[in-house]
Structures are given as structure tokens and as C-alpha cells.
Amino acid sequence: KPSSDGLAVSDFTGQQRYGLNSSQSYFLLDCYAMCKLGRDSI
């Protein structure tokens, strides 16, 4: 971790708050692209 999560979310101290692969049934092997959506989503 956090790489193995595929997509990781941290606060401004670098503390990980969420990891996709360890938090959901979906498994991400490679994230080809991402972007912001609205004010609170990606």
C-alpha cells in the first residue's frame, strides 16, 4: 500500500483515507485516466 490499492485517497498530511482495491469488490489493475467531477467526486 498505497500502490496496491490502484487508486488511493489521502488527506493533506499524507494519511491514507481510502483505497479502492482494499475497500471494494471491484479490482483495479491499472488506472488509465482520471479527472475531477463536480466539487467532490472523481
PDB file of all heavy atoms in Angstrom:
ATOM      1  N   LYS A   1       0.828  -1.203   0.000  1.00  0.00           N
ATOM      2  CA  LYS A   1       0.000   0.000   0.000  1.00  0.00           C
ATOM      3  C   LYS A   1       0.869   1.263   0.000  1.00  0.00           C
ATOM      4  O   LYS A   1       1.982   1.233   0.517  1.00  0.00           O
ATOM      5  CB  LYS A   1      -0.904   0.002   1.241  1.00  0.00           C
ATOM      6  CG  LYS A   1      -2.071  -0.954   1.140  1.00  0.00           C
ATOM      7  CD  LYS A   1      -3.059  -0.664   2.253  1.00  0.00           C
ATOM      8  CE  LYS A   1      -4.325  -1.469   2.073  1.00  0.00           C
ATOM      9  NZ  LYS A   1      -5.385  -1.054   3.003  1.00  0.00           N
ATOM     10  N   PRO A   2       0.375   2.363  -0.570  1.00  0.00           N
ATOM     11  CA  PRO A   2      -0.949   2.515  -1.172  1.00  0.00           C
ATOM     12  C   PRO A   2      -1.042   2.062  -2.631  1.00  0.00           C
ATOM     13  O   PRO A   2      -2.122   2.001  -3.187  1.00  0.00           O
ATOM     14  CB  PRO A   2      -1.195   4.017  -1.064  1.00  0.00           C
ATOM     15  CG  PRO A   2       0.175   4.615  -1.189  1.00  0.00           C
ATOM     16  CD  PRO A   2       1.098   3.661  -0.478  1.00  0.00           C
ATOM     17  N   SER A   3       0.105   1.714  -3.251  1.00  0.00           N
ATOM     18  CA  SER A   3       0.102   1.372  -4.684  1.00  0.00           C
ATOM     19  C   SER A   3      -0.842   0.219  -5.006  1.00  0.00           C
ATOM     20  O   SER A   3      -1.541   0.237  -6.022  1.00  0.00           O
ATOM     21  CB  SER A   3       1.514   1.000  -5.142  1.00  0.00           C
ATOM     22  OG  SER A   3       2.457   1.939  -4.719  1.00  0.00           O
ATOM     23  N   SER A   4      -0.865  -0.802  -4.147  1.00  0.00           N
ATOM     24  CA  SER A   4      -1.661  -1.985  -4.431  1.00  0.00           C
ATOM     25  C   SER A   4      -3.153  -1.699  -4.457  1.00  0.00           C
ATOM     26  O   SER A   4      -3.936  -2.506  -4.955  1.00  0.00           O
ATOM     27  CB  SER A   4      -1.363  -3.072  -3.389  1.00  0.00           C
ATOM     28  OG  SER A   4      -1.667  -2.621  -2.081  1.00  0.00           O
ATOM     29  N   ASP A   5      -3.555  -0.562  -3.940  1.00  0.00           N
ATOM     30  CA  ASP A   5      -4.972  -0.191  -3.978  1.00  0.00           C
ATOM     31  C   ASP A   5      -5.401   0.312  -5.351  1.00  0.00           C
ATOM     32  O   ASP A   5      -6.596   0.481  -5.598  1.00  0.00           O
ATOM     33  CB  ASP A   5      -5.273   0.871  -2.923  1.00  0.00           C
ATOM     34  CG  ASP A   5      -5.545   0.254  -1.559  1.00  0.00           C
ATOM     35  OD1 ASP A   5      -6.213  -0.791  -1.510  1.00  0.00           O
ATOM     36  OD2 ASP A   5      -5.098   0.813  -0.551  1.00  0.00           O
ATOM     37  N   GLY A   6      -4.455   0.593  -6.236  1.00  0.00           N
ATOM     38  CA  GLY A   6      -4.796   1.046  -7.580  1.00  0.00           C
ATOM     39  C   GLY A   6      -5.216   2.488  -7.638  1.00  0.00           C
ATOM     40  O   GLY A   6      -4.838   3.242  -8.539  1.00  0.00           O
ATOM     41  N   LEU A   7      -5.996   2.909  -6.669  1.00  0.00           N
ATOM     42  CA  LEU A   7      -6.424   4.302  -6.518  1.00  0.00           C
ATOM     43  C   LEU A   7      -6.542   4.561  -5.027  1.00  0.00           C
ATOM     44  O   LEU A   7      -7.260   3.855  -4.305  1.00  0.00           O
ATOM     45  CB  LEU A   7      -7.757   4.545  -7.229  1.00  0.00           C
ATOM     46  CG  LEU A   7      -8.210   6.002  -7.354  1.00  0.00           C
ATOM     47  CD1 LEU A   7      -9.016   6.191  -8.638  1.00  0.00           C
ATOM     48  CD2 LEU A   7      -9.035   6.441  -6.149  1.00  0.00           C
ATOM     49  N   ALA A   8      -5.791   5.537  -4.533  1.00  0.00           N
ATOM     50  CA  ALA A   8      -5.726   5.809  -3.098  1.00  0.00           C
ATOM     51  C   ALA A   8      -6.049   7.268  -2.824  1.00  0.00           C
ATOM     52  O   ALA A   8      -5.668   8.155  -3.598  1.00  0.00           O
ATOM     53  CB  ALA A   8      -4.339   5.470  -2.554  1.00  0.00           C
ATOM     54  N   VAL A   9      -6.737   7.511  -1.723  1.00  0.00           N
ATOM     55  CA  VAL A   9      -7.112   8.861  -1.315  1.00  0.00           C
ATOM     56  C   VAL A   9      -6.476   9.162   0.035  1.00  0.00           C
ATOM     57  O   VAL A   9      -6.605   8.367   0.980  1.00  0.00           O
ATOM     58  CB  VAL A   9      -8.639   9.017  -1.219  1.00  0.00           C
ATOM     59  CG1 VAL A   9      -9.001  10.455  -0.845  1.00  0.00           C
ATOM     60  CG2 VAL A   9      -9.310   8.629  -2.535  1.00  0.00           C
ATOM     61  N   SER A  10      -5.789  10.309   0.126  1.00  0.00           N
ATOM     62  CA  SER A  10      -5.127  10.721   1.363  1.00  0.00           C
ATOM     63  C   SER A  10      -5.549  12.134   1.730  1.00  0.00           C
ATOM     64  O   SER A  10      -6.006  12.908   0.877  1.00  0.00           O
ATOM     65  CB  SER A  10      -3.606  10.677   1.207  1.00  0.00           C
ATOM     66  OG  SER A  10      -3.165   9.386   0.837  1.00  0.00           O
ATOM     67  N   ASP A  11      -5.365  12.490   3.006  1.00  0.00           N
ATOM     68  CA  ASP A  11      -5.594  13.871   3.404  1.00  0.00           C
ATOM     69  C   ASP A  11      -4.322  14.681   3.158  1.00  0.00           C
ATOM     70  O   ASP A  11      -3.328  14.165   2.629  1.00  0.00           O
ATOM     71  CB  ASP A  11      -6.067  13.950   4.865  1.00  0.00           C
ATOM     72  CG  ASP A  11      -5.054  13.379   5.862  1.00  0.00           C
ATOM     73  OD1 ASP A  11      -3.845  13.322   5.538  1.00  0.00           O
ATOM     74  OD2 ASP A  11      -5.480  12.984   6.968  1.00  0.00           O
ATOM     75  N   PHE A  12      -4.337  15.941   3.569  1.00  0.00           N
ATOM     76  CA  PHE A  12      -3.208  16.821   3.284  1.00  0.00           C
ATOM     77  C   PHE A  12      -2.010  16.578   4.204  1.00  0.00           C
ATOM     78  O   PHE A  12      -1.007  17.281   4.104  1.00  0.00           O
ATOM     79  CB  PHE A  12      -3.642  18.281   3.362  1.00  0.00           C
ATOM     80  CG  PHE A  12      -4.368  18.768   2.129  1.00  0.00           C
ATOM     81  CD1 PHE A  12      -4.684  17.899   1.097  1.00  0.00           C
ATOM     82  CD2 PHE A  12      -4.744  20.104   2.001  1.00  0.00           C
ATOM     83  CE1 PHE A  12      -5.358  18.346  -0.041  1.00  0.00           C
ATOM     84  CE2 PHE A  12      -5.398  20.561   0.871  1.00  0.00           C
ATOM     85  CZ  PHE A  12      -5.721  19.683  -0.148  1.00  0.00           C
ATOM     86  N   THR A  13      -2.094  15.580   5.092  1.00  0.00           N
ATOM     87  CA  THR A  13      -0.913  15.163   5.854  1.00  0.00           C
ATOM     88  C   THR A  13      -0.294  13.910   5.245  1.00  0.00           C
ATOM     89  O   THR A  13       0.709  13.409   5.756  1.00  0.00           O
ATOM     90  CB  THR A  13      -1.268  14.873   7.328  1.00  0.00           C
ATOM     91  OG1 THR A  13      -2.072  13.682   7.408  1.00  0.00           O
ATOM     92  CG2 THR A  13      -2.014  16.033   7.947  1.00  0.00           C
ATOM     93  N   GLY A  14      -0.910  13.375   4.181  1.00  0.00           N
ATOM     94  CA  GLY A  14      -0.425  12.151   3.567  1.00  0.00           C
ATOM     95  C   GLY A  14      -1.006  10.894   4.175  1.00  0.00           C
ATOM     96  O   GLY A  14      -0.636   9.783   3.771  1.00  0.00           O
ATOM     97  N   GLN A  15      -1.928  11.028   5.113  1.00  0.00           N
ATOM     98  CA  GLN A  15      -2.557   9.873   5.748  1.00  0.00           C
ATOM     99  C   GLN A  15      -3.609   9.281   4.821  1.00  0.00           C
ATOM    100  O   GLN A  15      -4.537   9.968   4.421  1.00  0.00           O
ATOM    101  CB  GLN A  15      -3.208  10.292   7.071  1.00  0.00           C
ATOM    102  CG  GLN A  15      -3.876   9.166   7.839  1.00  0.00           C
ATOM    103  CD  GLN A  15      -2.883   8.150   8.380  1.00  0.00           C
ATOM    104  OE1 GLN A  15      -1.801   8.526   8.833  1.00  0.00           O
ATOM    105  NE2 GLN A  15      -3.232   6.883   8.323  1.00  0.00           N
ATOM    106  N   GLN A  16      -3.463   7.992   4.474  1.00  0.00           N
ATOM    107  CA  GLN A  16      -4.409   7.368   3.558  1.00  0.00           C
ATOM    108  C   GLN A  16      -5.769   7.194   4.226  1.00  0.00           C
ATOM    109  O   GLN A  16      -5.886   6.666   5.324  1.00  0.00           O
ATOM    110  CB  GLN A  16      -3.897   6.005   3.068  1.00  0.00           C
ATOM    111  CG  GLN A  16      -4.801   5.385   2.004  1.00  0.00           C
ATOM    112  CD  GLN A  16      -4.255   4.098   1.442  1.00  0.00           C
ATOM    113  OE1 GLN A  16      -3.113   3.724   1.707  1.00  0.00           O
ATOM    114  NE2 GLN A  16      -5.052   3.396   0.639  1.00  0.00           N
ATOM    115  N   ARG A  17      -6.819   7.629   3.508  1.00  0.00           N
ATOM    116  CA  ARG A  17      -8.186   7.538   3.999  1.00  0.00           C
ATOM    117  C   ARG A  17      -9.010   6.491   3.267  1.00  0.00           C
ATOM    118  O   ARG A  17     -10.025   6.026   3.778  1.00  0.00           O
ATOM    119  CB  ARG A  17      -8.879   8.906   3.870  1.00  0.00           C
ATOM    120  CG  ARG A  17      -8.229  10.019   4.684  1.00  0.00           C
ATOM    121  CD  ARG A  17      -8.232   9.703   6.157  1.00  0.00           C
ATOM    122  NE  ARG A  17      -7.694  10.806   6.958  1.00  0.00           N
ATOM    123  CZ  ARG A  17      -7.473  10.729   8.253  1.00  0.00           C
ATOM    124  NH1 ARG A  17      -7.723   9.588   8.896  1.00  0.00           N
ATOM    125  NH2 ARG A  17      -6.985  11.753   8.913  1.00  0.00           N
ATOM    126  N   TYR A  18      -8.570   6.130   2.059  1.00  0.00           N
ATOM    127  CA  TYR A  18      -9.360   5.196   1.246  1.00  0.00           C
ATOM    128  C   TYR A  18      -8.435   4.514   0.241  1.00  0.00           C
ATOM    129  O   TYR A  18      -7.509   5.134  -0.287  1.00  0.00           O
ATOM    130  CB  TYR A  18     -10.459   5.958   0.504  1.00  0.00           C
ATOM    131  CG  TYR A  18     -11.205   5.139  -0.532  1.00  0.00           C
ATOM    132  CD1 TYR A  18     -12.299   4.360  -0.179  1.00  0.00           C
ATOM    133  CD2 TYR A  18     -10.798   5.148  -1.870  1.00  0.00           C
ATOM    134  CE1 TYR A  18     -12.974   3.613  -1.132  1.00  0.00           C
ATOM    135  CE2 TYR A  18     -11.474   4.399  -2.822  1.00  0.00           C
ATOM    136  CZ  TYR A  18     -12.555   3.635  -2.448  1.00  0.00           C
ATOM    137  OH  TYR A  18     -13.215   2.883  -3.386  1.00  0.00           O
ATOM    138  N   GLY A  19      -8.694   3.241   0.000  1.00  0.00           N
ATOM    139  CA  GLY A  19      -8.005   2.505  -1.053  1.00  0.00           C
ATOM    140  C   GLY A  19      -9.012   1.664  -1.810  1.00  0.00           C
ATOM    141  O   GLY A  19      -9.753   0.884  -1.192  1.00  0.00           O
ATOM    142  N   LEU A  20      -9.051   1.809  -3.125  1.00  0.00           N
ATOM    143  CA  LEU A  20     -10.116   1.164  -3.894  1.00  0.00           C
ATOM    144  C   LEU A  20     -10.038  -0.357  -3.806  1.00  0.00           C
ATOM    145  O   LEU A  20     -11.020  -1.021  -3.490  1.00  0.00           O
ATOM    146  CB  LEU A  20     -10.062   1.625  -5.356  1.00  0.00           C
ATOM    147  CG  LEU A  20     -11.263   1.235  -6.218  1.00  0.00           C
ATOM    148  CD1 LEU A  20     -11.535   2.311  -7.264  1.00  0.00           C
ATOM    149  CD2 LEU A  20     -11.063  -0.096  -6.924  1.00  0.00           C
ATOM    150  N   ASN A  21      -8.887  -0.943  -4.090  1.00  0.00           N
ATOM    151  CA  ASN A  21      -8.809  -2.408  -4.149  1.00  0.00           C
ATOM    152  C   ASN A  21      -9.055  -3.071  -2.803  1.00  0.00           C
ATOM    153  O   ASN A  21      -9.526  -4.207  -2.742  1.00  0.00           O
ATOM    154  CB  ASN A  21      -7.457  -2.845  -4.713  1.00  0.00           C
ATOM    155  CG  ASN A  21      -7.373  -2.640  -6.216  1.00  0.00           C
ATOM    156  OD1 ASN A  21      -8.380  -2.442  -6.888  1.00  0.00           O
ATOM    157  ND2 ASN A  21      -6.168  -2.684  -6.755  1.00  0.00           N
ATOM    158  N   SER A  22      -8.744  -2.386  -1.711  1.00  0.00           N
ATOM    159  CA  SER A  22      -8.957  -2.984  -0.399  1.00  0.00           C
ATOM    160  C   SER A  22     -10.315  -2.624   0.191  1.00  0.00           C
ATOM    161  O   SER A  22     -10.673  -3.138   1.251  1.00  0.00           O
ATOM    162  CB  SER A  22      -7.853  -2.550   0.569  1.00  0.00           C
ATOM    163  OG  SER A  22      -7.818  -1.150   0.703  1.00  0.00           O
ATOM    164  N   SER A  23     -11.065  -1.760  -0.500  1.00  0.00           N
ATOM    165  CA  SER A  23     -12.342  -1.304   0.048  1.00  0.00           C
ATOM    166  C   SER A  23     -13.552  -1.758  -0.750  1.00  0.00           C
ATOM    167  O   SER A  23     -14.674  -1.668  -0.273  1.00  0.00           O
ATOM    168  CB  SER A  23     -12.362   0.226   0.137  1.00  0.00           C
ATOM    169  OG  SER A  23     -11.298   0.698   0.922  1.00  0.00           O
ATOM    170  N   GLN A  24     -13.351  -2.226  -1.967  1.00  0.00           N
ATOM    171  CA  GLN A  24     -14.483  -2.553  -2.831  1.00  0.00           C
ATOM    172  C   GLN A  24     -14.293  -3.941  -3.447  1.00  0.00           C
ATOM    173  O   GLN A  24     -13.209  -4.503  -3.447  1.00  0.00           O
ATOM    174  CB  GLN A  24     -14.609  -1.506  -3.960  1.00  0.00           C
ATOM    175  CG  GLN A  24     -14.734  -0.079  -3.465  1.00  0.00           C
ATOM    176  CD  GLN A  24     -16.083   0.196  -2.821  1.00  0.00           C
ATOM    177  OE1 GLN A  24     -17.039  -0.539  -3.037  1.00  0.00           O
ATOM    178  NE2 GLN A  24     -16.140   1.248  -2.029  1.00  0.00           N
ATOM    179  N   SER A  25     -15.378  -4.454  -4.005  1.00  0.00           N
ATOM    180  CA  SER A  25     -15.307  -5.743  -4.692  1.00  0.00           C
ATOM    181  C   SER A  25     -14.646  -5.615  -6.056  1.00  0.00           C
ATOM    182  O   SER A  25     -14.156  -6.591  -6.611  1.00  0.00           O
ATOM    183  CB  SER A  25     -16.712  -6.341  -4.855  1.00  0.00           C
ATOM    184  OG  SER A  25     -17.553  -5.445  -5.579  1.00  0.00           O
ATOM    185  N   TYR A  26     -14.650  -4.387  -6.628  1.00  0.00           N
ATOM    186  CA  TYR A  26     -14.003  -4.175  -7.924  1.00  0.00           C
ATOM    187  C   TYR A  26     -12.490  -4.149  -7.763  1.00  0.00           C
ATOM    188  O   TYR A  26     -11.965  -3.525  -6.827  1.00  0.00           O
ATOM    189  CB  TYR A  26     -14.487  -2.867  -8.553  1.00  0.00           C
ATOM    190  CG  TYR A  26     -13.813  -2.562  -9.871  1.00  0.00           C
ATOM    191  CD1 TYR A  26     -14.233  -3.183 -11.036  1.00  0.00           C
ATOM    192  CD2 TYR A  26     -12.733  -1.681  -9.935  1.00  0.00           C
ATOM    193  CE1 TYR A  26     -13.605  -2.936 -12.237  1.00  0.00           C
ATOM    194  CE2 TYR A  26     -12.108  -1.423 -11.135  1.00  0.00           C
ATOM    195  CZ  TYR A  26     -12.541  -2.055 -12.286  1.00  0.00           C
ATOM    196  OH  TYR A  26     -11.917  -1.806 -13.476  1.00  0.00           O
ATOM    197  N   PHE A  27     -11.764  -4.816  -8.670  1.00  0.00           N
ATOM    198  CA  PHE A  27     -10.305  -4.819  -8.621  1.00  0.00           C
ATOM    199  C   PHE A  27      -9.747  -4.014  -9.790  1.00  0.00           C
ATOM    200  O   PHE A  27     -10.048  -4.292 -10.949  1.00  0.00           O
ATOM    201  CB  PHE A  27      -9.747  -6.241  -8.676  1.00  0.00           C
ATOM    202  CG  PHE A  27      -8.236  -6.286  -8.642  1.00  0.00           C
ATOM    203  CD1 PHE A  27      -7.563  -6.077  -7.451  1.00  0.00           C
ATOM    204  CD2 PHE A  27      -7.506  -6.500  -9.797  1.00  0.00           C
ATOM    205  CE1 PHE A  27      -6.170  -6.089  -7.402  1.00  0.00           C
ATOM    206  CE2 PHE A  27      -6.115  -6.519  -9.761  1.00  0.00           C
ATOM    207  CZ  PHE A  27      -5.446  -6.311  -8.565  1.00  0.00           C
ATOM    208  N   LEU A  28      -8.934  -3.044  -9.484  1.00  0.00           N
ATOM    209  CA  LEU A  28      -8.304  -2.177 -10.474  1.00  0.00           C
ATOM    210  C   LEU A  28      -6.867  -2.636 -10.663  1.00  0.00           C
ATOM    211  O   LEU A  28      -6.085  -2.656  -9.719  1.00  0.00           O
ATOM    212  CB  LEU A  28      -8.354  -0.727  -9.983  1.00  0.00           C
ATOM    213  CG  LEU A  28      -7.845   0.402 -10.877  1.00  0.00           C
ATOM    214  CD1 LEU A  28      -8.434   1.735 -10.389  1.00  0.00           C
ATOM    215  CD2 LEU A  28      -6.336   0.506 -10.883  1.00  0.00           C
ATOM    216  N   LEU A  29      -6.502  -3.005 -11.893  1.00  0.00           N
ATOM    217  CA  LEU A  29      -5.133  -3.415 -12.192  1.00  0.00           C
ATOM    218  C   LEU A  29      -4.300  -2.259 -12.714  1.00  0.00           C
ATOM    219  O   LEU A  29      -3.088  -2.195 -12.503  1.00  0.00           O
ATOM    220  CB  LEU A  29      -5.126  -4.557 -13.212  1.00  0.00           C
ATOM    221  CG  LEU A  29      -3.752  -5.106 -13.616  1.00  0.00           C
ATOM    222  CD1 LEU A  29      -3.001  -5.637 -12.403  1.00  0.00           C
ATOM    223  CD2 LEU A  29      -3.891  -6.206 -14.673  1.00  0.00           C
ATOM    224  N   ASP A  30      -4.952  -1.285 -13.370  1.00  0.00           N
ATOM    225  CA  ASP A  30      -4.253  -0.149 -13.961  1.00  0.00           C
ATOM    226  C   ASP A  30      -5.267   0.964 -14.164  1.00  0.00           C
ATOM    227  O   ASP A  30      -6.346   0.723 -14.708  1.00  0.00           O
ATOM    228  CB  ASP A  30      -3.633  -0.550 -15.306  1.00  0.00           C
ATOM    229  CG  ASP A  30      -2.613   0.464 -15.810  1.00  0.00           C
ATOM    230  OD1 ASP A  30      -2.843   1.679 -15.638  1.00  0.00           O
ATOM    231  OD2 ASP A  30      -1.591   0.050 -16.374  1.00  0.00           O
ATOM    232  N   CYS A  31      -4.950   2.155 -13.720  1.00  0.00           N
ATOM    233  CA  CYS A  31      -5.830   3.301 -13.937  1.00  0.00           C
ATOM    234  C   CYS A  31      -5.319   4.079 -15.146  1.00  0.00           C
ATOM    235  O   CYS A  31      -4.292   4.742 -15.074  1.00  0.00           O
ATOM    236  CB  CYS A  31      -5.879   4.193 -12.706  1.00  0.00           C
ATOM    237  SG  CYS A  31      -7.112   5.513 -12.839  1.00  0.00           S
ATOM    238  N   TYR A  32      -6.027   3.976 -16.265  1.00  0.00           N
ATOM    239  CA  TYR A  32      -5.582   4.625 -17.492  1.00  0.00           C
ATOM    240  C   TYR A  32      -5.742   6.142 -17.443  1.00  0.00           C
ATOM    241  O   TYR A  32      -4.948   6.869 -18.030  1.00  0.00           O
ATOM    242  CB  TYR A  32      -6.361   4.065 -18.679  1.00  0.00           C
ATOM    243  CG  TYR A  32      -5.764   2.816 -19.291  1.00  0.00           C
ATOM    244  CD1 TYR A  32      -5.184   1.833 -18.496  1.00  0.00           C
ATOM    245  CD2 TYR A  32      -5.785   2.608 -20.667  1.00  0.00           C
ATOM    246  CE1 TYR A  32      -4.641   0.685 -19.049  1.00  0.00           C
ATOM    247  CE2 TYR A  32      -5.246   1.455 -21.237  1.00  0.00           C
ATOM    248  CZ  TYR A  32      -4.677   0.504 -20.416  1.00  0.00           C
ATOM    249  OH  TYR A  32      -4.145  -0.636 -20.981  1.00  0.00           O
ATOM    250  N   ALA A  33      -6.802   6.629 -16.767  1.00  0.00           N
ATOM    251  CA  ALA A  33      -7.050   8.068 -16.733  1.00  0.00           C
ATOM    252  C   ALA A  33      -8.029   8.386 -15.626  1.00  0.00           C
ATOM    253  O   ALA A  33      -8.840   7.546 -15.233  1.00  0.00           O
ATOM    254  CB  ALA A  33      -7.608   8.540 -18.075  1.00  0.00           C
ATOM    255  N   MET A  34      -7.949   9.609 -15.117  1.00  0.00           N
ATOM    256  CA  MET A  34      -8.955  10.079 -14.173  1.00  0.00           C
ATOM    257  C   MET A  34      -9.067  11.593 -14.290  1.00  0.00           C
ATOM    258  O   MET A  34      -8.193  12.268 -14.833  1.00  0.00           O
ATOM    259  CB  MET A  34      -8.654   9.650 -12.737  1.00  0.00           C
ATOM    260  CG  MET A  34      -7.411  10.205 -12.124  1.00  0.00           C
ATOM    261  SD  MET A  34      -7.271   9.672 -10.368  1.00  0.00           S
ATOM    262  CE  MET A  34      -5.738  10.507  -9.913  1.00  0.00           C
ATOM    263  N   CYS A  35     -10.189  12.122 -13.781  1.00  0.00           N
ATOM    264  CA  CYS A  35     -10.411  13.565 -13.807  1.00  0.00           C
ATOM    265  C   CYS A  35     -11.391  13.930 -12.705  1.00  0.00           C
ATOM    266  O   CYS A  35     -12.069  13.071 -12.133  1.00  0.00           O
ATOM    267  CB  CYS A  35     -10.922  14.037 -15.168  1.00  0.00           C
ATOM    268  SG  CYS A  35     -12.621  13.537 -15.534  1.00  0.00           S
ATOM    269  N   LYS A  36     -11.477  15.215 -12.413  1.00  0.00           N
ATOM    270  CA  LYS A  36     -12.413  15.707 -11.414  1.00  0.00           C
ATOM    271  C   LYS A  36     -13.839  15.688 -11.970  1.00  0.00           C
ATOM    272  O   LYS A  36     -14.059  15.866 -13.168  1.00  0.00           O
ATOM    273  CB  LYS A  36     -12.048  17.127 -11.002  1.00  0.00           C
ATOM    274  CG  LYS A  36     -10.679  17.259 -10.363  1.00  0.00           C
ATOM    275  CD  LYS A  36     -10.357  18.712 -10.057  1.00  0.00           C
ATOM    276  CE  LYS A  36      -8.950  18.879  -9.482  1.00  0.00           C
ATOM    277  NZ  LYS A  36      -8.634  20.297  -9.194  1.00  0.00           N
ATOM    278  N   LEU A  37     -14.796  15.487 -11.069  1.00  0.00           N
ATOM    279  CA  LEU A  37     -16.213  15.554 -11.408  1.00  0.00           C
ATOM    280  C   LEU A  37     -16.896  16.406 -10.356  1.00  0.00           C
ATOM    281  O   LEU A  37     -16.939  16.019  -9.179  1.00  0.00           O
ATOM    282  CB  LEU A  37     -16.834  14.159 -11.451  1.00  0.00           C
ATOM    283  CG  LEU A  37     -18.343  14.106 -11.710  1.00  0.00           C
ATOM    284  CD1 LEU A  37     -18.666  14.603 -13.119  1.00  0.00           C
ATOM    285  CD2 LEU A  37     -18.881  12.688 -11.520  1.00  0.00           C
ATOM    286  N   GLY A  38     -17.418  17.565 -10.770  1.00  0.00           N
ATOM    287  CA  GLY A  38     -18.045  18.460  -9.807  1.00  0.00           C
ATOM    288  C   GLY A  38     -17.048  18.937  -8.773  1.00  0.00           C
ATOM    289  O   GLY A  38     -15.872  19.136  -9.059  1.00  0.00           O
ATOM    290  N   ARG A  39     -17.539  19.073  -7.529  1.00  0.00           N
ATOM    291  CA  ARG A  39     -16.684  19.582  -6.457  1.00  0.00           C
ATOM    292  C   ARG A  39     -16.192  18.512  -5.492  1.00  0.00           C
ATOM    293  O   ARG A  39     -15.276  18.766  -4.712  1.00  0.00           O
ATOM    294  CB  ARG A  39     -17.434  20.661  -5.662  1.00  0.00           C
ATOM    295  CG  ARG A  39     -17.728  21.918  -6.476  1.00  0.00           C
ATOM    296  CD  ARG A  39     -18.342  22.984  -5.595  1.00  0.00           C
ATOM    297  NE  ARG A  39     -18.555  24.234  -6.331  1.00  0.00           N
ATOM    298  CZ  ARG A  39     -19.023  25.351  -5.773  1.00  0.00           C
ATOM    299  NH1 ARG A  39     -19.320  25.367  -4.468  1.00  0.00           N
ATOM    300  NH2 ARG A  39     -19.198  26.440  -6.505  1.00  0.00           N
ATOM    301  N   ASP A  40     -16.824  17.327  -5.534  1.00  0.00           N
ATOM    302  CA  ASP A  40     -16.460  16.345  -4.513  1.00  0.00           C
ATOM    303  C   ASP A  40     -16.328  14.923  -5.037  1.00  0.00           C
ATOM    304  O   ASP A  40     -16.334  13.974  -4.259  1.00  0.00           O
ATOM    305  CB  ASP A  40     -17.484  16.372  -3.368  1.00  0.00           C
ATOM    306  CG  ASP A  40     -18.882  15.979  -3.829  1.00  0.00           C
ATOM    307  OD1 ASP A  40     -19.066  15.648  -5.010  1.00  0.00           O
ATOM    308  OD2 ASP A  40     -19.797  15.994  -2.985  1.00  0.00           O
ATOM    309  N   SER A  41     -16.181  14.750  -6.363  1.00  0.00           N
ATOM    310  CA  SER A  41     -16.089  13.411  -6.940  1.00  0.00           C
ATOM    311  C   SER A  41     -14.997  13.368  -7.993  1.00  0.00           C
ATOM    312  O   SER A  41     -14.506  14.404  -8.455  1.00  0.00           O
ATOM    313  CB  SER A  41     -17.420  12.995  -7.572  1.00  0.00           C
ATOM    314  OG  SER A  41     -18.459  12.987  -6.617  1.00  0.00           O
ATOM    315  N   ILE A  42     -14.604  12.143  -8.358  1.00  0.00           N
ATOM    316  CA  ILE A  42     -13.676  11.947  -9.474  1.00  0.00           C
ATOM    317  C   ILE A  42     -14.204  10.820 -10.358  1.00  0.00           C
ATOM    318  O   ILE A  42     -14.975   9.968  -9.915  1.00  0.00           O
ATOM    319  CB  ILE A  42     -12.241  11.625  -8.999  1.00  0.00           C
ATOM    320  CG1 ILE A  42     -12.194  10.309  -8.190  1.00  0.00           C
ATOM    321  CG2 ILE A  42     -11.676  12.759  -8.163  1.00  0.00           C
ATOM    322  CD1 ILE A  42     -11.488   9.186  -8.893  1.00  0.00           C
TER     323      ILE A  42
END
